[in-house]
Protein backbone atom coordinates (compact mmCIF):
# COMPACT_ATOMS: atom_id res chain seq x y z
CA MET A 1 -55.90 150.70 11.88
CA LYS A 2 -58.77 148.18 10.35
CA LEU A 3 -61.06 148.13 13.91
CA THR A 4 -64.11 146.63 14.76
CA ILE A 5 -66.60 147.30 17.53
CA ILE A 6 -68.94 144.67 19.01
CA GLY A 7 -72.50 146.42 19.93
CA THR A 8 -74.24 149.50 19.22
CA GLY A 9 -75.20 150.40 22.01
CA TYR A 10 -74.71 154.14 23.72
CA VAL A 11 -70.99 153.13 24.48
CA GLY A 12 -70.17 150.87 21.04
CA LEU A 13 -71.80 153.56 18.94
CA VAL A 14 -70.15 156.68 19.95
CA THR A 15 -66.46 154.69 20.30
CA GLY A 16 -67.14 152.84 16.26
CA ALA A 17 -68.61 156.51 15.30
CA CYS A 18 -65.89 158.31 16.32
CA PHE A 19 -63.29 156.52 15.59
CA ALA A 20 -63.98 156.86 12.64
CA GLU A 21 -64.32 160.00 12.41
CA VAL A 22 -60.93 160.52 12.91
CA GLY A 23 -59.44 158.00 9.95
CA HIS A 24 -59.97 153.84 11.61
CA GLN A 25 -62.31 151.87 9.28
CA VAL A 26 -64.31 150.47 11.51
CA THR A 27 -67.07 147.39 11.76
CA CYS A 28 -69.63 147.24 13.66
CA VAL A 29 -71.54 143.85 14.94
CA ASP A 30 -75.03 144.27 16.72
CA ASN A 31 -77.11 141.26 17.01
CA ASP A 32 -80.54 143.53 16.19
CA ALA A 33 -80.76 143.48 13.02
CA THR A 34 -83.78 146.10 13.15
CA LYS A 35 -80.99 148.02 14.47
CA VAL A 36 -78.08 147.40 12.08
CA LYS A 37 -80.84 148.37 8.77
CA THR A 38 -81.19 151.67 10.38
CA LEU A 39 -77.43 151.97 11.16
CA GLN A 40 -76.78 151.12 7.54
CA ALA A 41 -79.42 153.78 6.72
CA GLY A 42 -77.30 156.56 8.55
CA GLY A 43 -79.92 156.54 11.25
CA ILE A 44 -79.57 156.32 15.13
CA PRO A 45 -81.26 154.69 17.68
CA ILE A 46 -80.01 157.06 20.43
CA TYR A 47 -79.68 161.20 21.37
CA GLU A 48 -76.52 162.12 21.89
CA PRO A 49 -75.61 165.45 20.30
CA GLY A 50 -73.59 165.63 17.51
CA LEU A 51 -73.99 161.82 17.26
CA GLU A 52 -76.18 161.59 14.16
CA ASP A 53 -73.89 163.74 11.89
CA LEU A 54 -71.04 161.79 12.89
CA VAL A 55 -72.96 158.48 11.84
CA LYS A 56 -74.43 159.26 9.02
CA ASN A 57 -70.75 161.24 7.58
CA ASN A 58 -69.17 158.60 8.02
CA VAL A 59 -72.04 156.02 6.49
CA ALA A 60 -71.91 158.34 3.16
CA ALA A 61 -67.54 158.30 3.90
CA ARG A 62 -67.41 154.46 3.84
CA ARG A 63 -64.80 155.10 6.76
CA LEU A 64 -68.36 153.52 9.34
CA THR A 65 -69.79 149.92 8.66
CA PHE A 66 -72.57 148.30 10.44
CA THR A 67 -73.13 143.79 9.87
CA THR A 68 -74.50 141.52 12.29
CA SER A 69 -72.15 138.94 11.53
CA THR A 70 -69.45 138.90 14.27
CA ALA A 71 -67.20 136.28 12.21
CA GLU A 72 -67.73 139.24 9.92
CA GLY A 73 -66.05 141.89 12.15
CA VAL A 74 -63.59 139.76 13.16
CA ALA A 75 -62.15 138.90 10.03
CA ASN A 76 -62.23 142.53 8.69
CA SER A 77 -59.97 143.47 11.97
CA ASP A 78 -56.95 143.81 13.74
CA VAL A 79 -58.11 145.32 16.90
CA ILE A 80 -61.44 144.05 18.83
CA PHE A 81 -64.01 145.87 20.85
CA ILE A 82 -66.41 144.21 22.96
CA ALA A 83 -68.88 146.80 23.68
CA VAL A 84 -71.92 145.07 25.53
CA PRO A 85 -74.26 145.72 28.13
CA THR A 86 -73.15 144.62 31.53
CA PRO A 87 -76.52 145.19 33.64
CA PRO A 88 -76.24 144.08 37.51
CA LEU A 89 -78.05 141.11 39.68
CA ALA A 90 -80.19 141.08 41.83
CA ASP A 91 -77.07 141.12 44.83
CA GLY A 92 -75.30 144.08 43.14
CA GLY A 93 -72.74 142.14 40.47
CA VAL A 94 -72.55 142.77 37.20
CA ASP A 95 -73.46 140.10 34.04
CA LEU A 96 -71.36 139.04 32.78
CA SER A 97 -73.66 137.02 29.99
CA PHE A 98 -72.78 138.71 27.61
CA ILE A 99 -69.05 139.24 27.51
CA GLU A 100 -69.28 135.37 27.73
CA LYS A 101 -71.18 135.27 24.77
CA VAL A 102 -69.00 137.38 22.46
CA ALA A 103 -65.13 136.20 23.71
CA ARG A 104 -66.97 132.30 22.14
CA ASP A 105 -68.09 133.77 19.31
CA ILE A 106 -64.94 135.70 18.31
CA ALA A 107 -62.44 132.58 19.67
CA ALA A 108 -65.02 130.53 16.99
CA ALA A 109 -63.92 133.16 14.43
CA MET A 110 -60.52 133.97 14.72
CA THR A 111 -57.59 132.77 12.50
CA SER A 112 -55.33 134.90 12.84
CA TYR A 113 -53.46 136.93 15.78
CA LYS A 114 -56.12 139.74 16.97
CA ILE A 115 -56.10 142.05 20.26
CA VAL A 116 -59.21 141.70 22.33
CA VAL A 117 -60.48 145.39 24.21
CA ASP A 118 -62.93 145.05 27.17
CA LYS A 119 -64.65 148.19 26.57
CA SER A 120 -68.27 147.99 28.48
CA THR A 121 -67.47 148.74 32.16
CA VAL A 122 -66.55 145.41 34.05
CA PRO A 123 -65.31 143.69 37.36
CA VAL A 124 -62.01 143.59 38.37
CA LYS A 125 -60.48 139.75 36.77
CA THR A 126 -62.59 140.40 33.74
CA GLY A 127 -59.96 140.51 31.08
CA ASP A 128 -58.84 137.11 33.21
CA LYS A 129 -62.25 135.31 31.96
CA VAL A 130 -62.22 136.76 28.83
CA ALA A 131 -58.34 135.55 27.77
CA GLU A 132 -59.94 131.73 29.07
CA THR A 133 -63.10 132.01 27.64
CA ILE A 134 -61.10 132.84 24.02
CA LYS A 135 -58.33 130.40 24.58
CA ARG A 136 -60.98 127.29 25.47
CA TYR A 137 -63.22 127.99 21.89
CA CYS A 138 -60.47 129.21 19.54
CA LYS A 139 -60.56 125.76 17.20
CA ALA A 140 -57.54 127.44 15.27
CA ARG A 141 -55.02 128.03 17.92
CA VAL A 142 -53.60 131.72 16.93
CA GLU A 143 -51.99 133.30 19.72
CA PHE A 144 -53.98 136.89 20.96
CA ASP A 145 -53.86 139.60 23.41
CA VAL A 146 -56.58 140.81 25.96
CA VAL A 147 -56.76 144.28 26.36
CA SER A 148 -58.24 146.29 29.00
CA ASN A 149 -59.66 149.95 27.61
CA PRO A 150 -62.21 151.57 30.00
CA GLU A 151 -65.13 153.90 28.50
CA PHE A 152 -65.35 157.30 30.71
CA LEU A 153 -68.09 158.83 28.90
CA ARG A 154 -71.01 161.06 30.46
CA GLU A 155 -74.48 161.41 28.73
CA GLY A 156 -75.16 164.16 26.68
CA PHE A 157 -71.29 164.64 26.62
CA ALA A 158 -70.40 161.44 25.15
CA VAL A 159 -69.21 162.34 21.75
CA GLU A 160 -67.42 165.94 22.81
CA ASP A 161 -65.20 163.29 26.07
CA LEU A 162 -64.52 160.75 23.42
CA MET A 163 -62.91 163.53 20.79
CA HIS A 164 -61.23 164.96 23.41
CA PRO A 165 -60.47 162.89 26.58
CA ASP A 166 -58.82 164.09 29.84
CA ARG A 167 -56.89 160.43 29.70
CA ILE A 168 -56.65 156.72 27.94
CA VAL A 169 -55.97 153.97 29.99
CA VAL A 170 -54.69 150.80 28.63
CA GLY A 171 -54.46 147.75 30.53
CA VAL A 172 -52.35 144.75 29.34
CA ARG A 173 -51.02 141.28 29.54
CA SER A 174 -48.07 141.63 27.91
CA GLN A 175 -46.45 144.39 25.54
CA ARG A 176 -47.26 142.75 22.42
CA PRO A 177 -50.63 145.31 22.37
CA VAL A 178 -49.59 148.39 23.58
CA ALA A 179 -47.67 149.89 20.10
CA ALA A 180 -51.64 149.15 18.21
CA MET A 181 -53.60 150.78 20.85
CA LYS A 182 -51.28 153.88 20.66
CA GLU A 183 -51.97 154.06 17.33
CA VAL A 184 -55.51 153.62 17.87
CA TYR A 185 -56.03 156.57 20.15
CA ALA A 186 -53.03 158.66 18.54
CA PRO A 187 -55.50 160.82 16.89
CA PHE A 188 -57.49 162.01 20.01
CA LYS A 189 -53.30 163.12 21.31
CA ALA A 190 -54.00 162.36 24.79
CA PRO A 191 -52.46 161.17 27.80
CA ILE A 192 -51.62 157.02 27.37
CA ILE A 193 -51.21 155.54 31.18
CA VAL A 194 -50.60 151.70 30.17
CA THR A 195 -51.26 149.56 33.59
CA ASP A 196 -51.81 146.15 34.02
CA ILE A 197 -54.89 145.04 32.94
CA ASN A 198 -56.33 144.34 36.75
CA SER A 199 -55.24 148.20 37.55
CA ALA A 200 -57.29 149.03 34.52
CA GLU A 201 -60.54 147.18 35.42
CA LEU A 202 -60.76 148.28 38.44
CA ILE A 203 -59.28 152.33 37.33
CA LYS A 204 -63.30 152.56 35.89
CA HIS A 205 -64.72 151.59 39.33
CA ALA A 206 -62.66 153.38 41.52
CA SER A 207 -63.57 156.61 39.44
CA ASN A 208 -67.17 156.04 39.21
CA SER A 209 -67.80 154.82 43.03
CA PHE A 210 -65.36 158.14 44.06
CA LEU A 211 -67.57 160.93 41.77
CA ALA A 212 -70.37 159.31 43.65
CA LEU A 213 -68.97 159.85 46.50
CA LYS A 214 -68.94 163.20 45.99
CA ILE A 215 -72.43 163.73 45.31
CA SER A 216 -73.14 162.01 48.71
CA TYR A 217 -70.72 164.42 49.81
CA ILE A 218 -72.58 166.86 49.04
CA ASN A 219 -75.60 166.41 50.04
CA ALA A 220 -75.14 165.73 53.63
CA ILE A 221 -73.66 169.14 53.28
CA SER A 222 -76.74 170.07 52.46
CA VAL A 223 -78.83 168.39 55.49
CA ILE A 224 -76.81 170.68 57.37
CA CYS A 225 -76.76 173.36 55.71
CA GLU A 226 -80.70 173.77 55.73
CA ALA A 227 -80.36 173.02 59.44
CA THR A 228 -77.97 176.15 59.80
CA GLY A 229 -79.40 178.32 57.53
CA ALA A 230 -76.09 178.00 55.47
CA ASN A 231 -76.17 178.11 52.11
CA VAL A 232 -75.19 174.56 50.30
CA GLN A 233 -74.29 176.71 46.92
CA GLU A 234 -72.22 179.08 48.54
CA VAL A 235 -70.02 175.91 50.87
CA ALA A 236 -69.92 173.96 46.99
CA ASN A 237 -68.01 177.41 45.96
CA GLY A 238 -65.70 177.08 49.68
CA MET A 239 -64.80 174.05 48.63
CA GLY A 240 -64.29 173.67 45.36
CA MET A 241 -61.71 176.96 45.20
CA ASP A 242 -59.19 174.00 46.62
CA ASP A 243 -57.89 172.30 43.39
CA ARG A 244 -57.03 169.23 46.12
CA ILE A 245 -61.06 169.12 45.34
CA GLY A 246 -62.09 170.80 42.60
CA ARG A 247 -66.21 171.88 41.95
CA ARG A 248 -67.06 169.72 39.63
CA PHE A 249 -69.66 166.38 40.99
CA LEU A 250 -70.28 168.92 44.63
CA ASN A 251 -74.49 170.29 43.24
CA ALA A 252 -76.30 169.05 46.18
CA SER A 253 -79.41 167.87 44.35
CA LEU A 254 -82.06 164.55 44.72
CA GLY A 255 -79.51 162.27 44.09
CA PHE A 256 -77.55 160.51 41.29
CA GLY A 257 -79.01 158.16 39.05
CA GLY A 258 -78.62 157.13 35.02
CA SER A 259 -77.20 153.89 34.16
CA CYS A 260 -73.26 154.09 36.04
CA PHE A 261 -73.06 155.43 39.10
CA PRO A 262 -75.39 153.35 41.25
CA LYS A 263 -74.81 150.24 39.39
CA ASP A 264 -70.56 150.47 39.22
CA LEU A 265 -70.78 151.82 43.06
CA SER A 266 -73.24 148.19 43.57
CA ALA A 267 -70.36 146.70 42.05
CA PHE A 268 -68.01 147.70 43.33
CA ILE A 269 -68.83 146.82 46.80
CA GLN A 270 -69.48 143.55 45.68
CA ILE A 271 -65.83 143.53 43.96
CA ALA A 272 -64.55 144.43 47.67
CA GLN A 273 -66.63 142.22 49.50
CA GLN A 274 -65.26 139.22 47.48
CA VAL A 275 -61.95 140.02 47.78
CA GLY A 276 -63.10 140.23 51.97
CA TYR A 277 -63.27 143.82 52.19
CA ASP A 278 -66.11 145.60 53.74
CA PHE A 279 -66.24 148.91 51.95
CA GLY A 280 -68.28 150.53 54.27
CA LEU A 281 -67.93 153.42 53.19
CA LEU A 282 -68.93 153.02 49.55
CA LYS A 283 -72.51 151.23 51.31
CA GLU A 284 -72.79 155.44 53.36
CA VAL A 285 -72.67 156.65 49.79
CA GLN A 286 -75.68 153.92 48.91
CA ARG A 287 -77.55 155.00 51.95
CA ILE A 288 -77.14 159.29 51.60
CA ASN A 289 -78.11 159.26 48.22
CA SER A 290 -81.54 157.01 49.16
CA ALA A 291 -81.93 159.25 52.02
CA GLN A 292 -81.52 162.44 49.80
CA MET A 293 -84.51 161.22 47.87
CA GLU A 294 -86.76 160.39 50.49
CA ARG A 295 -86.00 164.11 51.92
CA PHE A 296 -86.77 165.36 49.30
CA VAL A 297 -90.36 163.32 48.85
CA LYS A 298 -91.70 164.15 52.44
CA LYS A 299 -89.75 167.78 52.27
CA ASN A 300 -92.82 168.13 49.69
CA HIS A 301 -95.50 165.77 50.75
CA ARG A 302 -95.25 168.62 54.06
CA ASN A 303 -95.10 171.70 51.74
CA PRO A 304 -96.72 171.01 48.68
CA LEU A 305 -95.70 173.63 45.08
CA GLY A 306 -93.75 175.97 48.07
CA ALA A 307 -96.91 176.49 50.27
């Protein structure tokens, strides 16, 4: 299939390279001309195991191309993935200005039916807003569908996660784009979950928030272990052997950081607040995470270098 990825950041570049690797014809769009030139030469601006070879090989095979022109990307594809940043706002919400800008650009370039896919992590109801924007700015008045297809990539394992996913979530407003989305993902041989678009958008935030909860839970247990002389690793191993719980994300540590968990947790709390629910459980997850870091600093201040 002919696919376009708008945004060549972490998610967009990995997605584009992996789609090309399984045989799709992929055009990646970015407004940074310097980055595009680097990518056209087979270089990559980020490090992710296995990614550089995928980019080089698929550029050489002409399955993967890069451009600064959104109009070119829209013209050359049937399915357009939006993979631009969604940075946090000061109140914990999500800045959707990049999504809005891309939706306008896609609308201006559309002359025939397209499937527009939100790959970026976005709050629930964003699909409706993208659809409204495209409808408003599409002068050609052609039909289109907006789809939610959240990513579940881990830094350091992104290529592996995309090439061998445990599930693929596709949120739709109608059945028209379902067959095309199944064709896109057929080479990955993973279960495809088709939901309404709001549910798909919530799955991403709910998943990351739950994983953050597991990390904060075992970090809270580590405080009790330290106070009682128990070994938190042995406690985690014992818990993790229960298949209802599982061992992953039960490693006591300084807490969670990175680019996703803090941002997505704050966003989900804000989303809940907007619909009238005080998500106190997730607020406590945030508090435990901050306290864990503070405990480490205080403990090392009292006992530098383990002396």
